[in-house]
Amino acid sequence: MATATLTTKGQITIPVEVRASLGVDAGDRVEFVEIAPGRYEFIAATRSVIALKGMFGRRRKAVSIADMNAAIARRGAAAK
């Protein structure tokens, strides 16, 4: 099991085997996702936005700007 120590500045050094497994290097971004109270998952955020294309399949219905604005207005009115 890989371990790391937290410094007084709140920093850690990610062990080399973890960096290699995640494919991260200096300057790459990572995310901490809470999966349960007190438990987090450490994820490499190295994918480009282009890699997300097609992730959710084809869109079912085109939505116009007017429809989006109307939905935002309805939600804003309901929040008051």
N, C-alpha and C. Protein backbone atom coordinates (compact mmCIF):
# COMPACT_ATOMS: atom_id res chain seq x y z
N MET A 1 0.85 -1.17 0.00
CA MET A 1 0.00 0.00 0.00
C MET A 1 0.89 1.24 0.00
N ALA A 2 0.57 2.20 -0.88
CA ALA A 2 1.32 3.44 -0.95
C ALA A 2 0.80 4.41 0.12
N THR A 3 1.70 5.11 0.77
CA THR A 3 1.32 6.10 1.79
C THR A 3 2.06 7.40 1.54
N ALA A 4 1.52 8.48 2.10
CA ALA A 4 2.14 9.79 1.99
C ALA A 4 1.93 10.52 3.31
N THR A 5 2.75 11.53 3.57
CA THR A 5 2.65 12.31 4.79
C THR A 5 2.23 13.73 4.44
N LEU A 6 1.28 14.26 5.20
CA LEU A 6 0.80 15.62 5.02
C LEU A 6 1.77 16.59 5.69
N THR A 7 2.19 17.64 4.96
CA THR A 7 3.09 18.64 5.53
C THR A 7 2.29 19.69 6.30
N THR A 8 2.98 20.55 7.01
CA THR A 8 2.31 21.62 7.75
C THR A 8 1.61 22.60 6.82
N LYS A 9 2.00 22.63 5.55
CA LYS A 9 1.35 23.49 4.56
C LYS A 9 0.17 22.80 3.87
N GLY A 10 -0.16 21.58 4.29
CA GLY A 10 -1.28 20.86 3.69
C GLY A 10 -0.94 20.18 2.38
N GLN A 11 0.34 19.93 2.14
CA GLN A 11 0.77 19.32 0.89
C GLN A 11 1.19 17.87 1.12
N ILE A 12 1.05 17.07 0.06
CA ILE A 12 1.55 15.69 0.09
C ILE A 12 2.33 15.43 -1.18
N THR A 13 3.23 14.48 -1.12
CA THR A 13 3.91 13.99 -2.31
C THR A 13 3.25 12.68 -2.69
N ILE A 14 2.71 12.63 -3.90
CA ILE A 14 2.04 11.41 -4.35
C ILE A 14 3.12 10.40 -4.72
N PRO A 15 3.06 9.20 -4.15
CA PRO A 15 4.08 8.19 -4.43
C PRO A 15 4.20 7.91 -5.93
N VAL A 16 5.41 7.61 -6.37
CA VAL A 16 5.69 7.43 -7.79
C VAL A 16 4.82 6.34 -8.42
N GLU A 17 4.55 5.25 -7.69
CA GLU A 17 3.74 4.18 -8.27
C GLU A 17 2.29 4.62 -8.49
N VAL A 18 1.80 5.51 -7.64
CA VAL A 18 0.43 6.04 -7.80
C VAL A 18 0.39 7.00 -8.99
N ARG A 19 1.40 7.88 -9.09
CA ARG A 19 1.48 8.80 -10.23
C ARG A 19 1.55 8.03 -11.54
N ALA A 20 2.34 6.98 -11.57
CA ALA A 20 2.48 6.19 -12.79
C ALA A 20 1.17 5.50 -13.15
N SER A 21 0.51 4.96 -12.16
CA SER A 21 -0.76 4.26 -12.39
C SER A 21 -1.83 5.21 -12.92
N LEU A 22 -1.87 6.43 -12.38
CA LEU A 22 -2.86 7.42 -12.82
C LEU A 22 -2.44 8.13 -14.09
N GLY A 23 -1.18 8.04 -14.45
CA GLY A 23 -0.69 8.72 -15.65
C GLY A 23 -0.60 10.22 -15.46
N VAL A 24 -0.28 10.66 -14.24
CA VAL A 24 -0.16 12.09 -13.97
C VAL A 24 1.31 12.47 -13.80
N ASP A 25 1.57 13.74 -14.10
CA ASP A 25 2.92 14.27 -14.00
C ASP A 25 2.84 15.67 -13.42
N ALA A 26 3.96 16.30 -13.20
CA ALA A 26 4.00 17.65 -12.64
C ALA A 26 3.12 18.59 -13.46
N GLY A 27 2.28 19.35 -12.78
CA GLY A 27 1.41 20.31 -13.45
C GLY A 27 0.04 19.77 -13.80
N ASP A 28 -0.15 18.45 -13.75
CA ASP A 28 -1.46 17.86 -14.05
C ASP A 28 -2.43 18.14 -12.91
N ARG A 29 -3.71 18.17 -13.22
CA ARG A 29 -4.73 18.41 -12.21
C ARG A 29 -5.30 17.08 -11.72
N VAL A 30 -5.69 17.05 -10.46
CA VAL A 30 -6.36 15.89 -9.88
C VAL A 30 -7.60 16.39 -9.15
N GLU A 31 -8.56 15.50 -8.96
CA GLU A 31 -9.79 15.84 -8.26
C GLU A 31 -9.96 14.91 -7.06
N PHE A 32 -10.57 15.44 -6.02
CA PHE A 32 -10.92 14.65 -4.85
C PHE A 32 -12.44 14.59 -4.81
N VAL A 33 -13.01 13.40 -4.99
CA VAL A 33 -14.45 13.23 -5.05
C VAL A 33 -14.91 12.48 -3.81
N GLU A 34 -15.85 13.08 -3.06
CA GLU A 34 -16.36 12.43 -1.86
C GLU A 34 -17.30 11.30 -2.26
N ILE A 35 -16.96 10.09 -1.89
CA ILE A 35 -17.78 8.93 -2.24
C ILE A 35 -18.63 8.46 -1.07
N ALA A 36 -18.29 8.88 0.12
CA ALA A 36 -19.05 8.59 1.34
C ALA A 36 -18.53 9.58 2.39
N PRO A 37 -19.29 9.81 3.44
CA PRO A 37 -18.80 10.73 4.47
C PRO A 37 -17.42 10.30 4.99
N GLY A 38 -16.46 11.20 4.85
CA GLY A 38 -15.11 10.90 5.32
C GLY A 38 -14.28 10.04 4.38
N ARG A 39 -14.80 9.70 3.19
CA ARG A 39 -14.06 8.88 2.21
C ARG A 39 -14.02 9.60 0.88
N TYR A 40 -12.83 9.73 0.33
CA TYR A 40 -12.64 10.43 -0.93
C TYR A 40 -11.95 9.55 -1.94
N GLU A 41 -12.24 9.80 -3.20
CA GLU A 41 -11.57 9.13 -4.30
C GLU A 41 -10.68 10.15 -4.99
N PHE A 42 -9.49 9.77 -5.31
CA PHE A 42 -8.48 10.63 -5.92
C PHE A 42 -8.45 10.30 -7.41
N ILE A 43 -8.79 11.27 -8.27
CA ILE A 43 -8.96 11.01 -9.70
C ILE A 43 -8.09 11.97 -10.51
N ALA A 44 -7.41 11.43 -11.52
CA ALA A 44 -6.65 12.28 -12.44
C ALA A 44 -7.63 13.03 -13.33
N ALA A 45 -7.49 14.34 -13.40
CA ALA A 45 -8.37 15.17 -14.23
C ALA A 45 -7.59 15.60 -15.46
N THR A 46 -7.08 14.63 -16.20
CA THR A 46 -6.20 14.93 -17.32
C THR A 46 -6.89 14.82 -18.67
N ARG A 47 -8.14 14.36 -18.70
CA ARG A 47 -8.83 14.24 -19.98
C ARG A 47 -9.22 15.62 -20.51
N SER A 48 -9.13 15.78 -21.82
CA SER A 48 -9.57 17.04 -22.41
C SER A 48 -11.09 17.00 -22.56
N VAL A 49 -11.67 18.14 -22.75
CA VAL A 49 -13.12 18.23 -22.94
C VAL A 49 -13.54 17.47 -24.18
N ILE A 50 -12.70 17.44 -25.17
CA ILE A 50 -13.02 16.73 -26.41
C ILE A 50 -13.23 15.25 -26.16
N ALA A 51 -12.54 14.68 -25.18
CA ALA A 51 -12.69 13.26 -24.87
C ALA A 51 -14.07 12.94 -24.33
N LEU A 52 -14.81 13.94 -23.87
CA LEU A 52 -16.14 13.72 -23.33
C LEU A 52 -17.20 13.59 -24.41
N LYS A 53 -16.88 13.99 -25.64
CA LYS A 53 -17.84 13.95 -26.73
C LYS A 53 -18.38 12.53 -26.92
N GLY A 54 -19.70 12.42 -26.99
CA GLY A 54 -20.34 11.13 -27.19
C GLY A 54 -20.52 10.30 -25.95
N MET A 55 -20.09 10.80 -24.80
CA MET A 55 -20.16 10.03 -23.56
C MET A 55 -21.60 9.69 -23.18
N PHE A 56 -22.53 10.57 -23.50
CA PHE A 56 -23.92 10.37 -23.10
C PHE A 56 -24.82 9.97 -24.26
N GLY A 57 -24.25 9.59 -25.37
CA GLY A 57 -25.05 9.18 -26.52
C GLY A 57 -25.58 10.39 -27.28
N ARG A 58 -26.45 10.10 -28.21
CA ARG A 58 -27.02 11.16 -29.02
C ARG A 58 -28.05 11.95 -28.21
N ARG A 59 -28.13 13.23 -28.51
CA ARG A 59 -29.14 14.04 -27.83
C ARG A 59 -30.52 13.66 -28.35
N ARG A 60 -31.48 13.71 -27.49
CA ARG A 60 -32.83 13.30 -27.86
C ARG A 60 -33.59 14.41 -28.56
N LYS A 61 -33.44 15.64 -28.08
CA LYS A 61 -34.21 16.75 -28.62
C LYS A 61 -33.35 18.01 -28.54
N ALA A 62 -33.34 18.75 -29.62
CA ALA A 62 -32.60 20.02 -29.62
C ALA A 62 -33.35 21.02 -28.73
N VAL A 63 -32.58 21.79 -27.97
CA VAL A 63 -33.16 22.80 -27.09
C VAL A 63 -32.69 24.16 -27.57
N SER A 64 -33.65 25.06 -27.78
CA SER A 64 -33.30 26.40 -28.26
C SER A 64 -32.85 27.28 -27.09
N ILE A 65 -32.21 28.38 -27.44
CA ILE A 65 -31.79 29.36 -26.42
C ILE A 65 -33.03 29.90 -25.69
N ALA A 66 -34.10 30.14 -26.43
CA ALA A 66 -35.34 30.65 -25.81
C ALA A 66 -35.89 29.65 -24.79
N ASP A 67 -35.84 28.35 -25.13
CA ASP A 67 -36.29 27.32 -24.18
C ASP A 67 -35.41 27.30 -22.93
N MET A 68 -34.10 27.43 -23.12
CA MET A 68 -33.19 27.45 -21.98
C MET A 68 -33.45 28.65 -21.09
N ASN A 69 -33.63 29.83 -21.70
CA ASN A 69 -33.92 31.04 -20.92
C ASN A 69 -35.23 30.91 -20.15
N ALA A 70 -36.24 30.31 -20.77
CA ALA A 70 -37.53 30.12 -20.10
C ALA A 70 -37.38 29.17 -18.91
N ALA A 71 -36.61 28.11 -19.07
CA ALA A 71 -36.38 27.17 -17.97
C ALA A 71 -35.64 27.85 -16.82
N ILE A 72 -34.65 28.68 -17.14
CA ILE A 72 -33.91 29.41 -16.11
C ILE A 72 -34.83 30.37 -15.38
N ALA A 73 -35.68 31.06 -16.12
CA ALA A 73 -36.61 32.02 -15.51
C ALA A 73 -37.60 31.30 -14.59
N ARG A 74 -38.11 30.14 -15.03
CA ARG A 74 -39.05 29.36 -14.19
C ARG A 74 -38.36 28.92 -12.91
N ARG A 75 -37.16 28.44 -13.00
CA ARG A 75 -36.43 27.97 -11.82
C ARG A 75 -36.11 29.13 -10.89
N GLY A 76 -35.75 30.28 -11.46
CA GLY A 76 -35.46 31.45 -10.64
C GLY A 76 -36.70 31.94 -9.91
N ALA A 77 -37.85 31.91 -10.58
CA ALA A 77 -39.10 32.35 -9.96
C ALA A 77 -39.51 31.40 -8.84
N ALA A 78 -39.24 30.11 -9.04
CA ALA A 78 -39.62 29.11 -8.02
C ALA A 78 -38.74 29.22 -6.77
N ALA A 79 -37.53 29.75 -6.93
CA ALA A 79 -36.59 29.84 -5.81
C ALA A 79 -36.90 31.01 -4.89
N LYS A 80 -37.73 31.94 -5.33
CA LYS A 80 -38.02 33.14 -4.53
C LYS A 80 -38.99 32.87 -3.43
